[in-house]
Amino acid sequence: MKLFLKGAKCFTDKCPVEKRNFAPGQHGKDKRTKVVGYGLQLREKQKTKRIYFTLENQFRNYFERAAQSKGVTGEVLLQQLERRLDNVIYRMGFGASRRQARQIVRHGHVSVNGRKVNIPSFQVSAGDEISVREHAKKFGVIAGAIDFTSHQPTPTWLEVDRENLRGRVLALPKRDDINLPVNEQLIVELYSK
């Protein structure tokens, strides 16, 4: 499945997933095993982990916090993942991919409410003001990312000013705002065993 982790490469016909849609190796085309039960749940969890670039322990901590909070556990889990600072930078269009957005945050080019933040897993809240710092506004990587993502719509829970490279979190994301091919119920079933 395409996860769009590499940025621009998988938007063209040269994407490896499109060219070879089968398992690697000599017998990759021959063997098609049906994945059921635990395998489906594990695959869904791994897919979500790789989309958001989290490690196993970090992902489990997100799940445990979601299980303890009020609301539907799967939706709260996705909401926490969506509120990560690196993901918010990606959603605002300041990074062409989540990996690039993570690097922008890690190198200290982002400030939240006027304070420099270089932790990609920082949880933003409703009302937070997020901006690219002054010295980083002239970087070609950020300008290229804005050009690359200019056609993408901004999520309804974010407000973005692309000219000044700043934005604001209007509200917490709802499940309808998160348009990922993820079945969060399978993740909840996996961790509930």
N, C-alpha and C. Protein backbone atom coordinates (compact mmCIF):
# COMPACT_ATOMS: atom_id res chain seq x y z
N MET A 1 0.83 -1.18 0.00
CA MET A 1 0.00 0.00 0.00
C MET A 1 0.88 1.24 0.00
N LYS A 2 0.50 2.24 -0.77
CA LYS A 2 1.25 3.48 -0.82
C LYS A 2 1.00 4.27 0.46
N LEU A 3 2.08 4.68 1.13
CA LEU A 3 1.95 5.48 2.34
C LEU A 3 2.42 6.91 2.11
N PHE A 4 2.94 7.21 0.91
CA PHE A 4 3.40 8.55 0.54
C PHE A 4 4.44 9.06 1.53
N LEU A 5 5.40 8.22 1.88
CA LEU A 5 6.42 8.59 2.85
C LEU A 5 7.55 9.39 2.22
N LYS A 6 7.80 9.21 0.95
CA LYS A 6 8.96 9.80 0.31
C LYS A 6 8.69 11.14 -0.36
N GLY A 7 7.52 11.69 -0.23
CA GLY A 7 7.23 12.98 -0.86
C GLY A 7 6.77 12.82 -2.29
N ALA A 8 7.52 13.39 -3.22
CA ALA A 8 7.06 13.51 -4.61
C ALA A 8 7.19 12.23 -5.41
N LYS A 9 8.00 11.27 -5.01
CA LYS A 9 8.30 10.12 -5.85
C LYS A 9 7.07 9.27 -6.15
N CYS A 10 6.23 9.03 -5.18
CA CYS A 10 5.10 8.12 -5.40
C CYS A 10 3.87 8.80 -5.99
N PHE A 11 4.01 10.03 -6.46
CA PHE A 11 2.91 10.67 -7.17
C PHE A 11 3.02 10.44 -8.67
N THR A 12 4.13 9.85 -9.12
CA THR A 12 4.35 9.61 -10.54
C THR A 12 4.16 8.13 -10.85
N ASP A 13 4.31 7.78 -12.13
CA ASP A 13 4.20 6.38 -12.54
C ASP A 13 5.44 5.57 -12.18
N LYS A 14 6.50 6.22 -11.74
CA LYS A 14 7.73 5.53 -11.40
C LYS A 14 7.73 4.98 -9.97
N CYS A 15 6.63 5.08 -9.30
CA CYS A 15 6.53 4.60 -7.92
C CYS A 15 6.73 3.09 -7.89
N PRO A 16 7.61 2.58 -7.00
CA PRO A 16 7.86 1.14 -6.93
C PRO A 16 6.62 0.32 -6.62
N VAL A 17 5.68 0.88 -5.88
CA VAL A 17 4.46 0.14 -5.55
C VAL A 17 3.62 -0.06 -6.80
N GLU A 18 3.63 0.91 -7.70
CA GLU A 18 2.87 0.80 -8.94
C GLU A 18 3.56 -0.15 -9.93
N LYS A 19 4.89 -0.09 -9.99
CA LYS A 19 5.62 -0.90 -10.95
C LYS A 19 5.60 -2.38 -10.60
N ARG A 20 5.77 -2.68 -9.30
CA ARG A 20 5.80 -4.09 -8.86
C ARG A 20 4.88 -4.24 -7.67
N ASN A 21 3.66 -4.58 -7.93
CA ASN A 21 2.68 -4.72 -6.87
C ASN A 21 2.61 -6.18 -6.41
N PHE A 22 3.75 -6.74 -6.02
CA PHE A 22 3.79 -8.10 -5.49
C PHE A 22 5.01 -8.21 -4.58
N ALA A 23 5.08 -9.28 -3.84
CA ALA A 23 6.17 -9.48 -2.88
C ALA A 23 7.49 -9.66 -3.61
N PRO A 24 8.61 -9.28 -2.97
CA PRO A 24 9.91 -9.43 -3.62
C PRO A 24 10.34 -10.89 -3.68
N GLY A 25 11.23 -11.19 -4.58
CA GLY A 25 11.80 -12.54 -4.67
C GLY A 25 11.29 -13.32 -5.85
N GLN A 26 11.84 -14.52 -6.00
CA GLN A 26 11.55 -15.38 -7.13
C GLN A 26 10.09 -15.82 -7.16
N HIS A 27 9.52 -16.11 -5.99
CA HIS A 27 8.15 -16.62 -5.92
C HIS A 27 7.17 -15.55 -5.45
N GLY A 28 7.53 -14.29 -5.59
CA GLY A 28 6.68 -13.21 -5.11
C GLY A 28 5.34 -13.14 -5.80
N LYS A 29 5.30 -13.44 -7.10
CA LYS A 29 4.05 -13.37 -7.84
C LYS A 29 3.17 -14.59 -7.56
N ASP A 30 3.78 -15.69 -7.21
CA ASP A 30 3.03 -16.94 -7.06
C ASP A 30 2.25 -17.01 -5.75
N LYS A 31 2.90 -16.60 -4.66
CA LYS A 31 2.29 -16.80 -3.34
C LYS A 31 1.44 -15.61 -2.94
N ARG A 32 0.19 -15.86 -2.72
CA ARG A 32 -0.73 -14.85 -2.22
C ARG A 32 -1.41 -15.44 -1.00
N THR A 33 -0.92 -15.15 0.19
CA THR A 33 -1.55 -15.68 1.40
C THR A 33 -2.60 -14.71 1.88
N LYS A 34 -3.67 -15.25 2.40
CA LYS A 34 -4.75 -14.43 2.92
C LYS A 34 -4.43 -14.06 4.36
N VAL A 35 -4.48 -12.78 4.64
CA VAL A 35 -4.17 -12.29 5.98
C VAL A 35 -5.48 -12.09 6.72
N VAL A 36 -5.62 -12.74 7.87
CA VAL A 36 -6.85 -12.62 8.67
C VAL A 36 -6.47 -12.44 10.14
N GLY A 37 -7.43 -11.98 10.92
CA GLY A 37 -7.29 -11.92 12.37
C GLY A 37 -6.13 -11.07 12.84
N TYR A 38 -5.23 -11.71 13.57
CA TYR A 38 -4.08 -11.01 14.16
C TYR A 38 -3.23 -10.32 13.10
N GLY A 39 -3.06 -10.96 11.95
CA GLY A 39 -2.26 -10.37 10.88
C GLY A 39 -2.83 -9.06 10.38
N LEU A 40 -4.14 -8.98 10.24
CA LEU A 40 -4.79 -7.73 9.82
C LEU A 40 -4.58 -6.64 10.86
N GLN A 41 -4.76 -7.01 12.13
CA GLN A 41 -4.62 -6.03 13.21
C GLN A 41 -3.18 -5.52 13.27
N LEU A 42 -2.22 -6.43 13.17
CA LEU A 42 -0.82 -6.04 13.24
C LEU A 42 -0.44 -5.16 12.05
N ARG A 43 -0.92 -5.52 10.87
CA ARG A 43 -0.60 -4.73 9.68
C ARG A 43 -1.17 -3.31 9.79
N GLU A 44 -2.36 -3.18 10.36
CA GLU A 44 -2.97 -1.86 10.52
C GLU A 44 -2.17 -1.01 11.51
N LYS A 45 -1.72 -1.64 12.60
CA LYS A 45 -0.91 -0.92 13.58
C LYS A 45 0.42 -0.49 12.97
N GLN A 46 1.07 -1.39 12.25
CA GLN A 46 2.36 -1.07 11.64
C GLN A 46 2.22 0.04 10.61
N LYS A 47 1.13 0.00 9.85
CA LYS A 47 0.89 1.03 8.84
C LYS A 47 0.75 2.40 9.51
N THR A 48 -0.02 2.45 10.61
CA THR A 48 -0.23 3.71 11.31
C THR A 48 1.07 4.21 11.94
N LYS A 49 1.84 3.29 12.51
CA LYS A 49 3.13 3.67 13.09
C LYS A 49 4.05 4.27 12.05
N ARG A 50 4.06 3.70 10.86
CA ARG A 50 4.97 4.18 9.81
C ARG A 50 4.49 5.47 9.19
N ILE A 51 3.18 5.67 9.14
CA ILE A 51 2.67 6.94 8.63
C ILE A 51 3.15 8.10 9.50
N TYR A 52 3.05 7.91 10.82
CA TYR A 52 3.39 8.99 11.75
C TYR A 52 4.82 8.91 12.28
N PHE A 53 5.63 7.94 11.85
CA PHE A 53 7.02 7.80 12.26
C PHE A 53 7.18 7.73 13.78
N THR A 54 6.49 6.80 14.40
CA THR A 54 6.64 6.60 15.83
C THR A 54 7.25 5.23 16.08
N LEU A 55 7.94 5.09 17.19
CA LEU A 55 8.48 3.81 17.59
C LEU A 55 7.42 3.03 18.36
N GLU A 56 7.70 1.76 18.63
CA GLU A 56 6.70 0.89 19.27
C GLU A 56 6.31 1.39 20.66
N ASN A 57 7.29 1.72 21.49
CA ASN A 57 6.97 2.17 22.85
C ASN A 57 6.20 3.47 22.84
N GLN A 58 6.57 4.38 21.97
CA GLN A 58 5.87 5.65 21.87
C GLN A 58 4.43 5.43 21.41
N PHE A 59 4.25 4.55 20.45
CA PHE A 59 2.91 4.27 19.95
C PHE A 59 2.05 3.63 21.04
N ARG A 60 2.62 2.72 21.81
CA ARG A 60 1.90 2.08 22.91
C ARG A 60 1.51 3.11 23.97
N ASN A 61 2.40 4.07 24.25
CA ASN A 61 2.07 5.13 25.21
C ASN A 61 0.90 5.97 24.71
N TYR A 62 0.90 6.27 23.42
CA TYR A 62 -0.24 7.00 22.84
C TYR A 62 -1.53 6.20 23.05
N PHE A 63 -1.46 4.90 22.80
CA PHE A 63 -2.65 4.07 22.96
C PHE A 63 -3.12 4.03 24.41
N GLU A 64 -2.19 3.88 25.35
CA GLU A 64 -2.58 3.81 26.76
C GLU A 64 -3.21 5.12 27.23
N ARG A 65 -2.66 6.25 26.76
CA ARG A 65 -3.28 7.54 27.10
C ARG A 65 -4.66 7.66 26.48
N ALA A 66 -4.83 7.16 25.26
CA ALA A 66 -6.13 7.21 24.60
C ALA A 66 -7.13 6.31 25.31
N ALA A 67 -6.68 5.15 25.79
CA ALA A 67 -7.57 4.22 26.48
C ALA A 67 -8.04 4.79 27.82
N GLN A 68 -7.21 5.59 28.48
CA GLN A 68 -7.58 6.15 29.77
C GLN A 68 -8.45 7.40 29.65
N SER A 69 -8.43 8.04 28.50
CA SER A 69 -9.20 9.27 28.34
C SER A 69 -10.64 8.96 27.96
N LYS A 70 -11.50 9.97 28.07
CA LYS A 70 -12.90 9.81 27.71
C LYS A 70 -13.04 9.84 26.19
N GLY A 71 -14.04 9.16 25.68
CA GLY A 71 -14.27 9.14 24.25
C GLY A 71 -13.93 7.79 23.64
N VAL A 72 -14.08 7.69 22.34
CA VAL A 72 -13.78 6.47 21.61
C VAL A 72 -12.27 6.34 21.51
N THR A 73 -11.72 5.22 21.96
CA THR A 73 -10.28 5.05 22.08
C THR A 73 -9.56 5.21 20.74
N GLY A 74 -10.07 4.61 19.69
CA GLY A 74 -9.42 4.70 18.39
C GLY A 74 -9.38 6.11 17.85
N GLU A 75 -10.47 6.84 18.02
CA GLU A 75 -10.51 8.23 17.54
C GLU A 75 -9.57 9.12 18.35
N VAL A 76 -9.52 8.90 19.66
CA VAL A 76 -8.62 9.68 20.50
C VAL A 76 -7.17 9.39 20.14
N LEU A 77 -6.87 8.13 19.82
CA LEU A 77 -5.51 7.75 19.41
C LEU A 77 -5.11 8.50 18.15
N LEU A 78 -5.97 8.48 17.14
CA LEU A 78 -5.66 9.19 15.89
C LEU A 78 -5.58 10.69 16.13
N GLN A 79 -6.40 11.21 17.02
CA GLN A 79 -6.36 12.64 17.33
C GLN A 79 -5.02 13.01 17.96
N GLN A 80 -4.50 12.17 18.85
CA GLN A 80 -3.20 12.44 19.46
C GLN A 80 -2.09 12.40 18.41
N LEU A 81 -2.15 11.43 17.53
CA LEU A 81 -1.13 11.33 16.48
C LEU A 81 -1.19 12.52 15.53
N GLU A 82 -2.40 12.96 15.24
CA GLU A 82 -2.58 14.08 14.32
C GLU A 82 -2.11 15.40 14.95
N ARG A 83 -2.13 15.50 16.27
CA ARG A 83 -1.73 16.72 16.97
C ARG A 83 -0.23 16.83 17.20
N ARG A 84 0.54 15.84 16.74
CA ARG A 84 2.00 15.94 16.85
C ARG A 84 2.49 17.14 16.03
N LEU A 85 3.51 17.83 16.52
CA LEU A 85 3.98 19.04 15.86
C LEU A 85 4.49 18.77 14.45
N ASP A 86 5.22 17.67 14.25
CA ASP A 86 5.71 17.38 12.90
C ASP A 86 4.56 17.14 11.93
N ASN A 87 3.50 16.50 12.39
CA ASN A 87 2.34 16.27 11.53
C ASN A 87 1.61 17.58 11.24
N VAL A 88 1.52 18.46 12.22
CA VAL A 88 0.84 19.75 12.01
C VAL A 88 1.60 20.59 10.99
N ILE A 89 2.93 20.57 11.08
CA ILE A 89 3.75 21.29 10.09
C ILE A 89 3.50 20.72 8.69
N TYR A 90 3.39 19.41 8.59
CA TYR A 90 3.10 18.77 7.30
C TYR A 90 1.71 19.17 6.81
N ARG A 91 0.72 19.14 7.70
CA ARG A 91 -0.65 19.50 7.31
C ARG A 91 -0.77 20.95 6.88
N MET A 92 0.05 21.82 7.47
CA MET A 92 0.03 23.23 7.10
C MET A 92 0.70 23.47 5.74
N GLY A 93 1.48 22.50 5.27
CA GLY A 93 2.13 22.63 3.98
C GLY A 93 3.53 23.18 4.05
N PHE A 94 4.13 23.25 5.25
CA PHE A 94 5.49 23.76 5.38
C PHE A 94 6.52 22.66 5.15
N GLY A 95 6.07 21.42 4.98
CA GLY A 95 6.93 20.30 4.65
C GLY A 95 6.26 19.46 3.58
N ALA A 96 7.02 18.98 2.60
CA ALA A 96 6.44 18.20 1.50
C ALA A 96 6.02 16.81 1.96
N SER A 97 6.65 16.30 3.02
CA SER A 97 6.29 15.00 3.58
C SER A 97 6.40 15.09 5.09
N ARG A 98 5.87 14.09 5.78
CA ARG A 98 5.98 14.09 7.24
C ARG A 98 7.44 13.99 7.66
N ARG A 99 8.23 13.27 6.90
CA ARG A 99 9.65 13.14 7.23
C ARG A 99 10.36 14.48 7.10
N GLN A 100 10.06 15.22 6.06
CA GLN A 100 10.67 16.54 5.90
C GLN A 100 10.19 17.49 6.98
N ALA A 101 8.92 17.43 7.32
CA ALA A 101 8.38 18.27 8.40
C ALA A 101 9.04 17.93 9.73
N ARG A 102 9.29 16.65 9.94
CA ARG A 102 9.98 16.22 11.17
C ARG A 102 11.38 16.81 11.23
N GLN A 103 12.08 16.83 10.12
CA GLN A 103 13.42 17.39 10.08
C GLN A 103 13.39 18.90 10.31
N ILE A 104 12.41 19.58 9.75
CA ILE A 104 12.28 21.03 9.96
C ILE A 104 12.08 21.33 11.45
N VAL A 105 11.25 20.54 12.11
CA VAL A 105 11.03 20.73 13.54
C VAL A 105 12.29 20.39 14.32
N ARG A 106 12.92 19.28 13.98
CA ARG A 106 14.09 18.80 14.72
C ARG A 106 15.26 19.77 14.65
N HIS A 107 15.37 20.50 13.55
CA HIS A 107 16.47 21.45 13.39
C HIS A 107 16.17 22.81 14.02
N GLY A 108 15.02 22.93 14.68
CA GLY A 108 14.71 24.14 15.42
C GLY A 108 14.21 25.30 14.58
N HIS A 109 13.54 25.02 13.47
CA HIS A 109 13.05 26.08 12.61
C HIS A 109 11.60 26.46 12.89
N VAL A 110 11.01 25.92 13.96
CA VAL A 110 9.59 26.13 14.25
C VAL A 110 9.44 26.69 15.66
N SER A 111 8.50 27.60 15.81
CA SER A 111 8.17 28.09 17.15
C SER A 111 6.68 27.92 17.39
N VAL A 112 6.34 27.60 18.63
CA VAL A 112 4.95 27.45 19.05
C VAL A 112 4.70 28.49 20.13
N ASN A 113 3.73 29.36 19.87
CA ASN A 113 3.41 30.46 20.79
C ASN A 113 4.64 31.31 21.11
N GLY A 114 5.50 31.54 20.11
CA GLY A 114 6.66 32.39 20.27
C GLY A 114 7.87 31.72 20.87
N ARG A 115 7.78 30.45 21.23
CA ARG A 115 8.91 29.73 21.82
C ARG A 115 9.40 28.65 20.86
N LYS A 116 10.72 28.54 20.72
CA LYS A 116 11.31 27.54 19.84
C LYS A 116 11.02 26.15 20.38
N VAL A 117 10.54 25.27 19.50
CA VAL A 117 10.26 23.88 19.86
C VAL A 117 10.96 23.00 18.84
N ASN A 118 11.78 22.04 19.32
CA ASN A 118 12.47 21.14 18.40
C ASN A 118 12.16 19.67 18.71
N ILE A 119 10.98 19.42 19.27
CA ILE A 119 10.55 18.07 19.60
C ILE A 119 9.40 17.70 18.66
N PRO A 120 9.61 16.75 17.74
CA PRO A 120 8.56 16.41 16.77
C PRO A 120 7.28 15.87 17.40
N SER A 121 7.38 15.23 18.56
CA SER A 121 6.19 14.64 19.19
C SER A 121 5.46 15.62 20.09
N PHE A 122 5.84 16.89 20.10
CA PHE A 122 5.17 17.92 20.90
C PHE A 122 3.69 17.97 20.52
N GLN A 123 2.81 17.92 21.52
CA GLN A 123 1.37 17.93 21.27
C GLN A 123 0.86 19.37 21.25
N VAL A 124 0.30 19.79 20.13
CA VAL A 124 -0.28 21.13 20.04
C VAL A 124 -1.69 21.10 20.61
N SER A 125 -2.15 22.24 21.06
CA SER A 125 -3.50 22.36 21.63
C SER A 125 -4.28 23.38 20.81
N ALA A 126 -5.57 23.42 21.05
CA ALA A 126 -6.42 24.39 20.37
C ALA A 126 -5.99 25.79 20.79
N GLY A 127 -5.83 26.68 19.81
CA GLY A 127 -5.43 28.05 20.08
C GLY A 127 -3.94 28.30 19.96
N ASP A 128 -3.13 27.25 19.76
CA ASP A 128 -1.68 27.43 19.64
C ASP A 128 -1.33 28.11 18.32
N GLU A 129 -0.38 29.03 18.39
CA GLU A 129 0.13 29.75 17.23
C GLU A 129 1.44 29.09 16.80
N ILE A 130 1.51 28.60 15.58
CA ILE A 130 2.69 27.89 15.08
C ILE A 130 3.27 28.69 13.91
N SER A 131 4.57 28.93 13.95
CA SER A 131 5.19 29.70 12.87
C SER A 131 6.59 29.20 12.59
N VAL A 132 7.05 29.47 11.38
CA VAL A 132 8.43 29.19 11.01
C VAL A 132 9.26 30.37 11.50
N ARG A 133 10.39 30.10 12.13
CA ARG A 133 11.22 31.16 12.71
C ARG A 133 11.83 32.02 11.61
N GLU A 134 12.18 33.25 11.96
CA GLU A 134 12.62 34.25 10.99
C GLU A 134 13.81 33.79 10.14
N HIS A 135 14.81 33.19 10.77
CA HIS A 135 16.00 32.80 10.01
C HIS A 135 15.71 31.69 9.00
N ALA A 136 14.63 30.92 9.22
CA ALA A 136 14.33 29.80 8.34
C ALA A 136 13.37 30.15 7.22
N LYS A 137 12.81 31.35 7.23
CA LYS A 137 11.82 31.72 6.21
C LYS A 137 12.42 31.81 4.82
N LYS A 138 13.71 32.01 4.72
CA LYS A 138 14.35 32.13 3.41
C LYS A 138 14.92 30.82 2.89
N PHE A 139 14.74 29.73 3.61
CA PHE A 139 15.26 28.44 3.18
C PHE A 139 14.50 27.93 1.96
N GLY A 140 15.25 27.39 1.01
CA GLY A 140 14.64 26.87 -0.21
C GLY A 140 13.79 25.63 0.01
N VAL A 141 14.13 24.85 1.04
CA VAL A 141 13.37 23.63 1.33
C VAL A 141 11.93 23.97 1.70
N ILE A 142 11.77 24.98 2.53
CA ILE A 142 10.43 25.37 2.98
C ILE A 142 9.66 26.02 1.83
N ALA A 143 10.34 26.84 1.03
CA ALA A 143 9.68 27.47 -0.13
C ALA A 143 9.25 26.40 -1.14
N GLY A 144 10.13 25.42 -1.35
CA GLY A 144 9.78 24.32 -2.27
C GLY A 144 8.61 23.51 -1.76
N ALA A 145 8.55 23.29 -0.46
CA ALA A 145 7.44 22.54 0.13
C ALA A 145 6.13 23.29 -0.01
N ILE A 146 6.18 24.61 0.15
CA ILE A 146 4.95 25.41 0.01
C ILE A 146 4.46 25.37 -1.43
N ASP A 147 5.38 25.43 -2.39
CA ASP A 147 4.98 25.31 -3.80
C ASP A 147 4.40 23.93 -4.09
N PHE A 148 5.03 22.91 -3.52
CA PHE A 148 4.59 21.53 -3.76
C PHE A 148 3.21 21.26 -3.16
N THR A 149 2.92 21.85 -2.00
CA THR A 149 1.66 21.58 -1.31
C THR A 149 0.61 22.67 -1.53
N SER A 150 0.86 23.60 -2.45
CA SER A 150 -0.08 24.71 -2.64
C SER A 150 -1.44 24.25 -3.14
N HIS A 151 -1.50 23.12 -3.84
CA HIS A 151 -2.77 22.63 -4.37
C HIS A 151 -3.57 21.84 -3.34
N GLN A 152 -2.94 21.45 -2.24
CA GLN A 152 -3.63 20.64 -1.23
C GLN A 152 -4.48 21.54 -0.34
N PRO A 153 -5.70 21.09 -0.02
CA PRO A 153 -6.54 21.90 0.87
C PRO A 153 -6.04 21.83 2.31
N THR A 154 -6.24 22.91 3.05
CA THR A 154 -5.87 22.95 4.46
C THR A 154 -6.97 22.30 5.28
N PRO A 155 -6.63 21.48 6.27
CA PRO A 155 -7.66 20.88 7.12
C PRO A 155 -8.49 21.95 7.82
N THR A 156 -9.72 21.62 8.14
CA THR A 156 -10.63 22.60 8.74
C THR A 156 -10.22 22.98 10.15
N TRP A 157 -9.46 22.14 10.82
CA TRP A 157 -9.08 22.44 12.19
C TRP A 157 -7.83 23.32 12.28
N LEU A 158 -7.26 23.69 11.12
CA LEU A 158 -6.09 24.55 11.08
C LEU A 158 -6.38 25.80 10.26
N GLU A 159 -5.72 26.89 10.62
CA GLU A 159 -5.79 28.13 9.86
C GLU A 159 -4.36 28.47 9.44
N VAL A 160 -4.11 28.67 8.15
CA VAL A 160 -2.74 28.83 7.66
C VAL A 160 -2.60 30.12 6.88
N ASP A 161 -1.52 30.86 7.17
CA ASP A 161 -1.13 32.05 6.41
C ASP A 161 0.18 31.69 5.71
N ARG A 162 0.10 31.27 4.44
CA ARG A 162 1.27 30.76 3.73
C ARG A 162 2.29 31.87 3.39
N GLU A 163 1.83 33.12 3.26
CA GLU A 163 2.77 34.20 2.95
C GLU A 163 3.69 34.49 4.13
N ASN A 164 3.15 34.50 5.33
CA ASN A 164 3.94 34.80 6.52
C ASN A 164 4.45 33.54 7.22
N LEU A 165 4.15 32.37 6.66
CA LEU A 165 4.59 31.08 7.20
C LEU A 165 4.18 30.92 8.66
N ARG A 166 2.93 31.09 8.90
CA ARG A 166 2.40 30.89 10.25
C ARG A 166 1.01 30.30 10.17
N GLY A 167 0.57 29.74 11.27
CA GLY A 167 -0.76 29.15 11.32
C GLY A 167 -1.23 29.04 12.75
N ARG A 168 -2.49 28.63 12.88
CA ARG A 168 -3.08 28.52 14.21
C ARG A 168 -3.94 27.27 14.25
N VAL A 169 -3.95 26.62 15.41
CA VAL A 169 -4.80 25.45 15.62
C VAL A 169 -6.15 25.97 16.10
N LEU A 170 -7.17 25.82 15.27
CA LEU A 170 -8.50 26.33 15.62
C LEU A 170 -9.22 25.42 16.60
N ALA A 171 -9.11 24.12 16.39
CA ALA A 171 -9.80 23.15 17.25
C ALA A 171 -9.04 21.83 17.16
N LEU A 172 -9.42 20.89 17.98
CA LEU A 172 -8.83 19.55 17.91
C LEU A 172 -9.42 18.82 16.70
N PRO A 173 -8.62 18.00 16.03
CA PRO A 173 -9.13 17.29 14.84
C PRO A 173 -10.16 16.24 15.21
N LYS A 174 -11.17 16.11 14.37
CA LYS A 174 -12.17 15.06 14.54
C LYS A 174 -11.83 13.92 13.58
N ARG A 175 -12.50 12.80 13.71
CA ARG A 175 -12.20 11.64 12.84
C ARG A 175 -12.48 11.96 11.38
N ASP A 176 -13.49 12.80 11.12
CA ASP A 176 -13.81 13.16 9.73
C ASP A 176 -12.69 13.97 9.09
N ASP A 177 -11.93 14.71 9.90
CA ASP A 177 -10.84 15.54 9.38
C ASP A 177 -9.60 14.73 9.03
N ILE A 178 -9.48 13.52 9.59
CA ILE A 178 -8.31 12.69 9.37
C ILE A 178 -8.62 11.73 8.24
N ASN A 179 -8.15 12.05 7.05
CA ASN A 179 -8.48 11.25 5.87
C ASN A 179 -7.34 10.29 5.54
N LEU A 180 -7.09 9.36 6.44
CA LEU A 180 -6.07 8.34 6.23
C LEU A 180 -6.73 6.98 6.06
N PRO A 181 -6.11 6.09 5.28
CA PRO A 181 -6.69 4.75 5.10
C PRO A 181 -6.38 3.86 6.30
N VAL A 182 -6.85 4.25 7.49
CA VAL A 182 -6.55 3.55 8.73
C VAL A 182 -7.85 3.12 9.38
N ASN A 183 -7.91 1.84 9.78
CA ASN A 183 -9.04 1.34 10.54
C ASN A 183 -8.59 1.25 11.99
N GLU A 184 -8.89 2.29 12.76
CA GLU A 184 -8.39 2.37 14.13
C GLU A 184 -8.99 1.31 15.04
N GLN A 185 -10.13 0.75 14.68
CA GLN A 185 -10.75 -0.29 15.50
C GLN A 185 -9.88 -1.54 15.56
N LEU A 186 -9.19 -1.86 14.47
CA LEU A 186 -8.30 -3.02 14.47
C LEU A 186 -7.12 -2.81 15.43
N ILE A 187 -6.65 -1.57 15.53
CA ILE A 187 -5.55 -1.29 16.46
C ILE A 187 -6.02 -1.45 17.90
N VAL A 188 -7.22 -0.98 18.19
CA VAL A 188 -7.78 -1.12 19.54
C VAL A 188 -7.96 -2.60 19.88
N GLU A 189 -8.43 -3.39 18.92
CA GLU A 189 -8.61 -4.83 19.15
C GLU A 189 -7.26 -5.51 19.40
N LEU A 190 -6.21 -5.07 18.68
CA LEU A 190 -4.89 -5.68 18.87
C LEU A 190 -4.35 -5.43 20.28
N TYR A 191 -4.45 -4.19 20.74
CA TYR A 191 -3.91 -3.86 22.05
C TYR A 191 -4.83 -4.32 23.19
N SER A 192 -6.06 -4.66 22.89
CA SER A 192 -6.99 -5.11 23.93
C SER A 192 -6.83 -6.58 24.27
N LYS A 193 -5.98 -7.30 23.53
CA LYS A 193 -5.81 -8.73 23.77
C LYS A 193 -5.08 -8.97 25.07
